[in-house]
N, C-alpha and C. Protein backbone atom coordinates (compact mmCIF):
# COMPACT_ATOMS: atom_id res chain seq x y z
N MET A 1 -10.00 -28.54 3.47
CA MET A 1 -9.06 -29.20 3.74
C MET A 1 -10.60 -30.56 4.35
N LYS A 2 -10.05 -31.21 4.48
CA LYS A 2 -11.47 -31.86 5.59
C LYS A 2 -10.96 -33.33 6.59
N ILE A 3 -11.38 -33.99 6.31
CA ILE A 3 -11.20 -35.81 7.09
C ILE A 3 -11.20 -36.23 6.74
N VAL A 4 -10.23 -37.08 7.27
CA VAL A 4 -9.72 -38.12 5.71
C VAL A 4 -9.71 -39.23 6.87
N GLU A 5 -9.27 -39.41 8.58
CA GLU A 5 -9.59 -40.63 8.61
C GLU A 5 -9.90 -40.07 10.37
N LYS A 6 -10.77 -40.12 11.09
CA LYS A 6 -10.70 -40.19 12.64
C LYS A 6 -10.57 -41.17 13.71
N THR A 7 -9.89 -41.46 14.46
CA THR A 7 -9.77 -43.02 15.02
C THR A 7 -10.01 -42.14 16.73
N ALA A 8 -9.79 -42.61 17.34
CA ALA A 8 -8.68 -42.61 18.78
C ALA A 8 -7.63 -42.63 19.15
N ASP A 9 -7.36 -43.24 18.58
CA ASP A 9 -5.15 -42.91 17.84
C ASP A 9 -5.50 -41.82 17.27
N ARG A 10 -5.69 -41.27 16.48
CA ARG A 10 -4.87 -41.05 15.22
C ARG A 10 -6.76 -39.95 14.81
N LEU A 11 -6.27 -38.76 13.94
CA LEU A 11 -6.93 -37.99 13.51
C LEU A 11 -5.86 -37.52 12.67
N ARG A 12 -6.58 -37.39 10.82
CA ARG A 12 -6.06 -37.03 9.33
C ARG A 12 -6.98 -36.32 8.89
N LEU A 13 -5.60 -35.30 8.47
CA LEU A 13 -7.15 -34.22 7.84
C LEU A 13 -6.14 -33.77 6.19
N GLY A 14 -6.67 -33.89 5.18
CA GLY A 14 -6.12 -33.62 4.22
C GLY A 14 -7.21 -32.73 2.99
N SER A 15 -6.29 -31.97 2.58
CA SER A 15 -6.66 -31.91 0.85
C SER A 15 -5.79 -32.59 -0.26
N SER A 16 -6.78 -32.21 -1.94
CA SER A 16 -5.84 -32.93 -2.03
C SER A 16 -7.14 -32.88 -3.44
N PRO A 17 -6.95 -31.81 -4.73
CA PRO A 17 -7.28 -30.81 -5.42
C PRO A 17 -7.34 -32.02 -6.69
N TRP A 18 -7.30 -32.84 -6.77
CA TRP A 18 -7.20 -33.29 -7.98
C TRP A 18 -7.91 -32.68 -9.34
N LEU A 19 -9.58 -32.41 -8.86
CA LEU A 19 -9.96 -32.08 -10.01
C LEU A 19 -9.21 -31.38 -10.85
N MET A 20 -8.60 -29.67 -9.32
CA MET A 20 -8.12 -28.68 -10.60
C MET A 20 -7.49 -29.15 -10.92
N THR A 21 -6.16 -29.63 -10.49
CA THR A 21 -4.70 -30.29 -10.63
C THR A 21 -4.61 -30.76 -12.49
N GLY A 22 -6.25 -31.78 -12.98
CA GLY A 22 -6.28 -32.14 -13.72
C GLY A 22 -6.91 -31.35 -15.41
N LEU A 23 -8.18 -30.28 -13.84
CA LEU A 23 -7.58 -29.34 -15.40
C LEU A 23 -6.50 -28.01 -15.55
N PHE A 24 -6.21 -28.19 -14.64
CA PHE A 24 -4.44 -27.34 -15.27
C PHE A 24 -4.17 -28.13 -15.62
N ALA A 25 -3.85 -29.85 -16.01
CA ALA A 25 -3.17 -29.93 -16.85
C ALA A 25 -3.90 -30.55 -18.26
N ALA A 26 -5.09 -30.39 -18.27
CA ALA A 26 -5.23 -30.86 -19.61
C ALA A 26 -5.54 -29.34 -20.47
N MET A 27 -5.78 -27.70 -19.66
CA MET A 27 -5.76 -26.36 -20.50
C MET A 27 -4.79 -26.25 -21.21
N VAL A 28 -2.92 -26.48 -19.86
CA VAL A 28 -1.76 -26.43 -20.33
C VAL A 28 -1.40 -28.04 -22.01
N VAL A 29 -2.30 -28.61 -21.84
CA VAL A 29 -1.82 -29.60 -22.62
C VAL A 29 -2.41 -29.77 -23.88
N THR A 30 -3.90 -29.00 -23.82
CA THR A 30 -4.39 -28.50 -25.27
C THR A 30 -4.34 -27.02 -25.53
N MET A 31 -3.54 -26.22 -25.08
CA MET A 31 -2.52 -25.62 -25.31
C MET A 31 -1.40 -25.97 -26.34
N LEU A 32 -0.27 -26.47 -25.67
CA LEU A 32 0.99 -26.46 -26.60
C LEU A 32 0.54 -27.00 -27.73
N ALA A 33 -0.49 -28.65 -27.96
CA ALA A 33 -1.33 -28.80 -28.81
C ALA A 33 -1.60 -27.89 -30.04
N ALA A 34 -2.54 -27.50 -29.34
CA ALA A 34 -2.44 -26.18 -30.97
C ALA A 34 -1.47 -25.65 -31.09
N ALA A 35 -0.45 -25.27 -29.97
CA ALA A 35 0.39 -24.64 -29.94
C ALA A 35 1.71 -25.33 -31.33
N VAL A 36 0.86 -26.54 -31.04
CA VAL A 36 2.16 -27.08 -32.23
C VAL A 36 1.72 -27.32 -33.44
N GLY A 37 0.76 -26.82 -33.48
CA GLY A 37 -0.23 -27.73 -34.51
C GLY A 37 0.47 -25.62 -35.56
N LYS A 38 -0.48 -25.28 -34.81
CA LYS A 38 -0.46 -23.88 -35.23
C LYS A 38 1.47 -24.14 -36.36
N GLN A 39 2.37 -24.42 -35.35
CA GLN A 39 2.90 -24.24 -35.67
C GLN A 39 4.14 -24.80 -36.76
N ARG A 40 3.24 -26.04 -37.04
CA ARG A 40 3.41 -27.07 -38.32
C ARG A 40 2.78 -26.08 -39.41
N ASP A 41 2.08 -25.49 -39.17
CA ASP A 41 1.32 -23.78 -40.05
C ASP A 41 1.17 -24.01 -40.78
N GLY A 42 2.92 -23.05 -40.55
CA GLY A 42 3.44 -21.99 -40.40
C GLY A 42 2.70 -20.56 -39.32
N ALA A 43 2.35 -20.81 -38.49
CA ALA A 43 2.00 -19.66 -37.86
C ALA A 43 2.50 -19.51 -36.28
N SER A 44 3.77 -18.79 -36.80
CA SER A 44 5.02 -18.95 -35.24
C SER A 44 4.43 -18.12 -34.49
N ASN A 45 4.73 -17.16 -35.57
CA ASN A 45 3.74 -15.45 -33.80
C ASN A 45 2.72 -16.43 -33.07
N GLU A 46 1.50 -17.16 -33.37
CA GLU A 46 0.30 -17.46 -32.70
C GLU A 46 0.76 -18.91 -31.79
N ALA A 47 1.97 -19.70 -32.27
CA ALA A 47 2.56 -20.48 -31.76
C ALA A 47 2.58 -20.45 -30.32
N GLY A 48 3.76 -19.25 -31.02
CA GLY A 48 4.98 -18.41 -29.83
C GLY A 48 3.61 -17.99 -28.58
N VAL A 49 2.97 -17.05 -29.17
CA VAL A 49 1.91 -16.83 -27.66
C VAL A 49 1.20 -18.13 -27.05
N LEU A 50 0.56 -18.53 -28.13
CA LEU A 50 0.22 -20.18 -27.19
C LEU A 50 0.69 -20.94 -25.66
N PHE A 51 1.88 -21.01 -26.01
CA PHE A 51 3.09 -21.76 -25.68
C PHE A 51 3.08 -20.43 -24.76
N LEU A 52 3.31 -19.18 -24.90
CA LEU A 52 3.38 -18.06 -23.08
C LEU A 52 2.02 -18.18 -22.60
N PHE A 53 1.10 -19.41 -23.29
CA PHE A 53 -0.24 -18.49 -22.25
C PHE A 53 -0.17 -20.43 -21.41
N ALA A 54 0.62 -21.56 -22.05
CA ALA A 54 0.17 -22.57 -21.75
C ALA A 54 1.42 -22.58 -20.32
N LEU A 55 2.37 -21.77 -20.75
CA LEU A 55 3.94 -21.59 -19.46
C LEU A 55 3.27 -21.00 -18.61
N ALA A 56 2.21 -19.32 -18.92
CA ALA A 56 1.22 -18.86 -17.91
C ALA A 56 0.29 -19.47 -17.10
N VAL A 57 -0.08 -20.56 -17.80
CA VAL A 57 -1.83 -21.60 -16.26
C VAL A 57 -0.77 -22.83 -16.34
N LEU A 58 0.46 -23.14 -16.26
CA LEU A 58 1.78 -24.19 -16.09
C LEU A 58 2.07 -23.16 -14.60
N ILE A 59 2.12 -22.71 -14.28
CA ILE A 59 3.22 -21.24 -13.62
C ILE A 59 1.95 -21.66 -11.84
N GLY A 60 0.73 -20.90 -12.81
CA GLY A 60 -1.05 -20.75 -11.94
C GLY A 60 -0.68 -22.14 -11.55
N GLY A 61 -0.93 -23.11 -12.29
CA GLY A 61 -1.46 -24.44 -11.16
C GLY A 61 0.49 -25.35 -10.62
N LEU A 62 1.28 -24.31 -10.84
CA LEU A 62 1.96 -24.44 -9.22
C LEU A 62 2.09 -24.28 -8.27
N PHE A 63 1.00 -22.79 -8.56
CA PHE A 63 1.43 -22.18 -6.61
C PHE A 63 -0.13 -22.41 -6.88
N ILE A 64 -1.27 -23.20 -7.50
CA ILE A 64 -2.06 -23.35 -6.58
C ILE A 64 -2.76 -24.39 -6.39
N CYS A 65 -2.44 -25.29 -6.85
CA CYS A 65 -2.68 -27.12 -6.66
C CYS A 65 -1.87 -27.32 -5.70
N ALA A 66 -1.74 -27.62 -3.89
CA ALA A 66 -1.72 -28.14 -3.46
C ALA A 66 -2.05 -29.33 -1.40
N PHE A 67 -1.60 -30.29 -2.80
CA PHE A 67 -1.79 -31.66 -1.72
C PHE A 67 -0.86 -31.57 -0.34
N VAL A 68 -2.27 -30.83 0.27
CA VAL A 68 -1.63 -31.24 2.63
C VAL A 68 -2.35 -32.66 3.35
N ARG A 69 -1.37 -32.79 4.20
CA ARG A 69 -2.48 -33.76 4.52
C ARG A 69 -1.47 -33.60 6.18
N LEU A 70 -2.20 -33.12 7.40
CA LEU A 70 -1.81 -33.17 8.39
C LEU A 70 -2.52 -34.61 9.58
N THR A 71 -1.18 -35.06 10.57
CA THR A 71 -1.91 -36.46 10.98
C THR A 71 -1.79 -36.17 12.52
N LEU A 72 -2.61 -36.38 13.40
CA LEU A 72 -2.41 -35.91 14.92
C LEU A 72 -2.23 -37.87 15.30
N ASP A 73 -0.81 -38.05 16.39
CA ASP A 73 -1.63 -39.51 16.23
C ASP A 73 -1.32 -40.00 17.62
N ARG A 74 -1.28 -40.32 18.48
CA ARG A 74 -1.67 -40.52 19.57
C ARG A 74 -0.58 -41.86 20.36
N ARG A 75 -1.04 -42.43 19.50
CA ARG A 75 0.12 -43.97 19.19
C ARG A 75 1.65 -43.66 19.85
N SER A 76 1.77 -42.83 18.59
CA SER A 76 3.18 -42.38 18.02
C SER A 76 3.96 -40.99 19.38
N GLY A 77 2.73 -40.44 19.42
CA GLY A 77 2.98 -38.83 19.92
C GLY A 77 3.55 -38.17 19.39
N ARG A 78 3.49 -38.02 17.77
CA ARG A 78 3.85 -36.53 17.37
C ARG A 78 2.48 -36.07 16.17
N VAL A 79 2.79 -35.06 15.92
CA VAL A 79 1.83 -34.13 14.74
C VAL A 79 3.28 -33.68 14.01
N THR A 80 1.92 -34.47 12.09
CA THR A 80 3.35 -34.82 11.07
C THR A 80 2.34 -33.89 9.83
N TYR A 81 2.75 -32.69 9.49
CA TYR A 81 2.64 -32.01 8.13
C TYR A 81 3.37 -32.55 7.09
N SER A 82 2.78 -32.38 6.03
CA SER A 82 2.96 -32.55 4.70
C SER A 82 2.23 -32.58 3.97
N ARG A 83 3.31 -31.32 3.00
CA ARG A 83 2.78 -30.31 1.46
C ARG A 83 3.17 -30.33 0.54
N PHE A 84 2.50 -31.03 -0.60
CA PHE A 84 3.14 -31.35 -1.34
C PHE A 84 2.38 -30.31 -2.73
N THR A 85 3.30 -29.79 -3.80
CA THR A 85 2.39 -29.54 -5.44
C THR A 85 4.41 -29.21 -6.01
N LEU A 86 3.19 -28.74 -6.81
CA LEU A 86 4.98 -29.87 -7.65
C LEU A 86 6.29 -28.89 -7.36
N ARG A 87 6.66 -28.18 -7.55
CA ARG A 87 7.58 -27.13 -6.20
C ARG A 87 8.16 -27.46 -5.64
N GLY A 88 8.08 -27.88 -5.05
CA GLY A 88 8.03 -29.01 -4.25
C GLY A 88 7.51 -30.03 -3.25
N TRP A 89 8.66 -30.47 -1.83
CA TRP A 89 7.64 -31.31 -0.97
C TRP A 89 7.97 -30.51 0.35
N GLN A 90 7.21 -30.65 1.62
CA GLN A 90 7.80 -29.97 2.74
C GLN A 90 6.48 -30.73 3.86
N HIS A 91 8.02 -30.58 4.50
CA HIS A 91 7.41 -32.06 5.78
C HIS A 91 7.95 -31.06 6.88
N ARG A 92 7.32 -31.51 8.02
CA ARG A 92 7.29 -30.70 9.06
C ARG A 92 7.13 -31.80 10.59
N ASP A 93 7.74 -32.43 11.67
CA ASP A 93 7.12 -32.89 12.25
C ASP A 93 7.34 -32.31 14.34
N TRP A 94 5.90 -32.17 14.49
CA TRP A 94 6.18 -32.28 16.17
C TRP A 94 5.65 -33.34 17.40
N ALA A 95 6.40 -32.10 18.54
CA ALA A 95 5.49 -33.36 19.42
C ALA A 95 4.21 -33.16 19.84
N LEU A 96 2.91 -33.75 20.10
CA LEU A 96 1.94 -33.69 20.26
C LEU A 96 1.96 -33.11 21.77
N ALA A 97 2.18 -34.59 22.53
CA ALA A 97 2.53 -32.86 23.70
C ALA A 97 3.11 -32.25 23.50
N ASP A 98 3.54 -30.81 22.76
CA ASP A 98 2.94 -29.31 22.43
C ASP A 98 2.24 -28.62 22.10
N LEU A 99 1.25 -29.90 21.46
CA LEU A 99 0.55 -28.78 20.12
C LEU A 99 -1.44 -28.13 21.92
N ALA A 100 -0.70 -26.52 21.54
CA ALA A 100 -2.92 -26.57 21.99
C ALA A 100 -4.18 -27.39 21.85
N SER A 101 -3.51 -27.00 20.58
CA SER A 101 -4.87 -26.20 19.98
C SER A 101 -4.78 -26.11 18.50
N MET A 102 -6.03 -26.31 17.92
CA MET A 102 -5.89 -25.48 16.36
C MET A 102 -7.20 -24.23 16.42
N ARG A 103 -6.86 -23.34 15.64
CA ARG A 103 -7.72 -22.35 15.49
C ARG A 103 -8.52 -21.63 14.29
N ALA A 104 -9.32 -21.24 13.54
CA ALA A 104 -9.14 -20.21 12.54
C ALA A 104 -8.85 -18.89 12.68
N ALA A 105 -7.97 -18.71 12.06
CA ALA A 105 -7.56 -16.69 12.52
C ALA A 105 -7.49 -16.13 10.84
N THR A 106 -7.01 -15.20 10.95
CA THR A 106 -7.42 -14.18 10.17
C THR A 106 -5.87 -14.47 9.89
N ASP A 107 -5.99 -14.71 8.00
CA ASP A 107 -4.82 -14.97 8.35
C ASP A 107 -4.18 -13.05 7.83
N PRO A 108 -3.01 -12.72 8.91
CA PRO A 108 -2.51 -11.15 8.71
C PRO A 108 -2.07 -11.01 6.73
N THR A 109 -1.41 -11.86 6.27
CA THR A 109 -0.55 -12.12 4.54
C THR A 109 -1.73 -11.57 3.73
N GLU A 110 -3.03 -12.11 3.83
CA GLU A 110 -4.58 -11.92 2.96
C GLU A 110 -4.43 -10.42 2.56
N LYS A 111 -5.02 -10.14 1.78
CA LYS A 111 -6.72 -8.61 1.93
C LYS A 111 -7.18 -9.22 2.03
N VAL A 112 -7.59 -8.45 2.65
CA VAL A 112 -9.40 -8.40 2.63
C VAL A 112 -10.96 -8.54 1.08
N ARG A 113 -11.30 -9.93 1.28
CA ARG A 113 -11.31 -8.76 0.37
C ARG A 113 -13.41 -9.02 0.40
N GLU A 114 -14.25 -7.80 -0.54
CA GLU A 114 -15.78 -8.51 0.07
C GLU A 114 -16.30 -7.56 1.32
N GLY A 115 -15.08 -7.47 2.01
CA GLY A 115 -15.21 -7.15 3.43
C GLY A 115 -15.09 -8.47 4.65
N ARG A 116 -14.70 -9.27 3.93
CA ARG A 116 -14.54 -10.80 4.35
C ARG A 116 -13.05 -10.63 4.83
N PRO A 117 -12.69 -11.89 5.96
CA PRO A 117 -11.11 -11.68 5.49
C PRO A 117 -10.86 -12.55 4.64
N TYR A 118 -9.51 -12.49 4.55
CA TYR A 118 -8.93 -14.74 4.14
C TYR A 118 -9.25 -14.92 5.44
N ARG A 119 -9.09 -16.59 5.79
CA ARG A 119 -8.99 -17.10 7.39
C ARG A 119 -7.57 -18.73 6.71
N ARG A 120 -7.45 -18.24 7.88
CA ARG A 120 -6.74 -20.20 8.30
C ARG A 120 -6.63 -20.89 9.33
N LEU A 121 -6.25 -22.08 9.39
CA LEU A 121 -5.98 -22.85 10.41
C LEU A 121 -4.60 -23.03 10.53
N GLU A 122 -4.70 -22.45 12.09
CA GLU A 122 -3.31 -22.67 13.04
C GLU A 122 -3.05 -23.63 14.00
N LEU A 123 -1.45 -24.34 13.91
CA LEU A 123 -1.87 -24.74 15.17
C LEU A 123 -1.01 -24.33 15.53
N VAL A 124 -1.32 -24.23 17.77
CA VAL A 124 -0.87 -22.78 18.76
C VAL A 124 -0.62 -23.74 19.48
N TRP A 125 0.53 -23.51 19.23
CA TRP A 125 1.66 -24.58 20.51
C TRP A 125 1.42 -24.33 21.76
N LYS A 126 1.52 -25.48 23.07
CA LYS A 126 2.26 -24.63 24.03
C LYS A 126 3.35 -23.20 24.53
N THR A 127 3.91 -24.27 23.85
CA THR A 127 5.02 -23.04 24.05
C THR A 127 4.74 -21.59 23.01
N ALA A 128 6.11 -20.34 23.20
CA ALA A 128 6.78 -19.44 23.01
C ALA A 128 6.74 -19.44 21.22
N ALA A 129 6.19 -20.75 20.93
CA ALA A 129 6.66 -20.97 19.50
C ALA A 129 5.65 -19.88 18.22
N PRO A 130 6.17 -19.71 17.19
CA PRO A 130 4.35 -18.64 16.51
C PRO A 130 4.18 -20.02 16.61
N PRO A 131 2.09 -19.85 15.63
CA PRO A 131 2.13 -20.49 15.40
C PRO A 131 1.70 -20.49 14.14
N PHE A 132 1.53 -21.96 13.69
CA PHE A 132 2.21 -22.45 12.09
C PHE A 132 0.80 -22.40 11.46
N PRO A 133 0.56 -21.71 10.48
CA PRO A 133 -0.28 -22.17 8.97
C PRO A 133 -0.55 -23.53 8.73
N VAL A 134 -1.62 -24.20 8.71
CA VAL A 134 -1.45 -25.54 8.19
C VAL A 134 -1.86 -25.22 6.23
N GLN A 135 -3.01 -23.66 6.18
CA GLN A 135 -3.92 -23.64 5.15
C GLN A 135 -4.95 -22.49 5.30
N SER A 136 -4.45 -21.77 4.22
CA SER A 136 -5.72 -20.62 3.37
C SER A 136 -6.49 -20.89 2.96
N ALA A 137 -7.94 -20.01 3.17
CA ALA A 137 -9.07 -20.72 2.37
C ALA A 137 -9.81 -19.04 2.71
N TYR A 138 -10.30 -18.54 1.31
CA TYR A 138 -11.32 -17.97 1.93
C TYR A 138 -12.74 -17.80 1.84
N GLN A 139 -13.04 -17.30 2.73
CA GLN A 139 -13.78 -18.20 3.46
C GLN A 139 -15.31 -17.04 3.47
N ARG A 140 -16.52 -17.36 3.22
CA ARG A 140 -17.64 -16.42 4.20
C ARG A 140 -19.13 -17.29 3.32
N PRO A 141 -19.56 -17.33 4.44
CA PRO A 141 -21.17 -18.24 5.14
C PRO A 141 -22.33 -17.72 4.05
N PRO A 142 -22.68 -19.19 3.16
CA PRO A 142 -23.22 -18.71 2.74
C PRO A 142 -23.96 -17.50 2.09
N ARG A 143 -24.74 -17.14 1.64
CA ARG A 143 -25.74 -15.63 1.49
C ARG A 143 -26.91 -16.36 2.69
N GLY A 144 -27.70 -15.49 3.44
CA GLY A 144 -28.55 -15.34 4.16
C GLY A 144 -28.74 -16.83 4.78
N GLN A 145 -27.06 -16.82 5.40
CA GLN A 145 -26.67 -17.76 6.83
C GLN A 145 -25.91 -16.78 6.92
N SER A 146 -25.11 -15.80 7.66
CA SER A 146 -24.11 -15.44 9.02
C SER A 146 -23.87 -16.31 9.90
N GLY A 147 -24.99 -16.87 10.42
CA GLY A 147 -24.93 -17.12 12.06
C GLY A 147 -24.56 -18.66 11.80
N THR A 148 -24.32 -19.17 10.84
CA THR A 148 -23.92 -20.42 10.58
C THR A 148 -22.81 -19.90 11.31
N ARG A 149 -21.89 -21.49 11.36
CA ARG A 149 -20.50 -21.62 11.33
C ARG A 149 -19.54 -22.19 10.37
N ALA A 150 -18.77 -21.07 9.68
CA ALA A 150 -17.60 -21.60 8.53
C ALA A 150 -17.39 -22.79 8.93
N PRO A 151 -16.69 -23.59 7.94
CA PRO A 151 -15.65 -24.85 7.38
C PRO A 151 -15.08 -24.86 8.21
N LEU A 152 -13.77 -23.95 8.30
CA LEU A 152 -12.97 -24.06 9.15
C LEU A 152 -12.93 -24.23 10.48
N GLU A 153 -13.83 -23.07 11.25
CA GLU A 153 -14.07 -23.02 12.30
C GLU A 153 -13.99 -24.84 12.96
N THR A 154 -14.74 -24.65 11.38
CA THR A 154 -16.05 -25.92 12.52
C THR A 154 -14.50 -27.66 12.46
N LEU A 155 -13.51 -27.48 10.90
CA LEU A 155 -12.41 -28.17 11.18
C LEU A 155 -11.92 -28.07 12.35
N ALA A 156 -11.10 -27.05 12.65
CA ALA A 156 -10.69 -26.21 14.42
C ALA A 156 -11.55 -27.01 15.68
N SER A 157 -13.21 -26.87 15.41
CA SER A 157 -13.39 -28.01 16.77
C SER A 157 -12.66 -28.69 16.58
N THR A 158 -13.39 -29.76 15.77
CA THR A 158 -13.34 -31.47 15.81
C THR A 158 -12.05 -31.40 15.76
N VAL A 159 -11.13 -30.68 15.16
CA VAL A 159 -10.25 -31.11 15.85
C VAL A 159 -9.39 -30.76 17.12
N ASN A 160 -9.44 -29.89 18.00
CA ASN A 160 -9.40 -29.24 19.23
C ASN A 160 -10.18 -30.21 20.07
N SER A 161 -11.56 -31.04 19.91
CA SER A 161 -12.68 -31.79 21.18
C SER A 161 -11.69 -33.04 20.46
N TRP A 162 -11.02 -33.05 19.74
CA TRP A 162 -10.17 -34.54 19.46
C TRP A 162 -9.10 -35.15 20.50
N LEU A 163 -8.24 -33.83 20.39
CA LEU A 163 -7.14 -33.55 21.14
C LEU A 163 -7.92 -33.06 22.72
N LYS A 164 -8.85 -33.15 23.29
CA LYS A 164 -10.14 -32.89 25.04
C LYS A 164 -9.29 -34.18 24.67
N ARG A 165 -9.93 -34.97 24.22
CA ARG A 165 -10.43 -36.99 24.36
C ARG A 165 -9.38 -37.09 25.56
N LYS A 166 -9.95 -37.98 26.36
CA LYS A 166 -8.76 -38.30 27.13
C LYS A 166 -9.35 -40.67 25.99
N ARG A 167 -8.01 -40.24 25.86
CA ARG A 167 -7.72 -42.05 25.39
C ARG A 167 -8.10 -43.44 25.35
């Protein structure tokens, strides 16, 4: 996730994995073309296996490729979250006044790998509502740079400084 737009009135974060989506689509099309070629040659067993692999790659792409947008707008006083995958569209809208901060927190639903946990961005509310997870990511600082801040912490601190700034 990265900052797409940052003005005094609007902060927009977005994640658009076009490259990954294109690679998944290219793999599926290639496997389906090979399967059709095998079917024409009479190798129906091999064609069936290629069709199954294409289906598996397609299903994987449906779960992995998500386009996410988070907009904080002072003029309208709204926080808008949109998430699009081929499985569907998710849209949420809240009052900006209810937003206390954004934080990078350990994701409790994910496993720890290599001794480092998955992290996620969360919207923290002033009310008693539970934090809303924006996006999860496996992150660790580059080798030899353990003291540097990770990308999610940097993004969360940018959002928090924007929230604290007076209009």
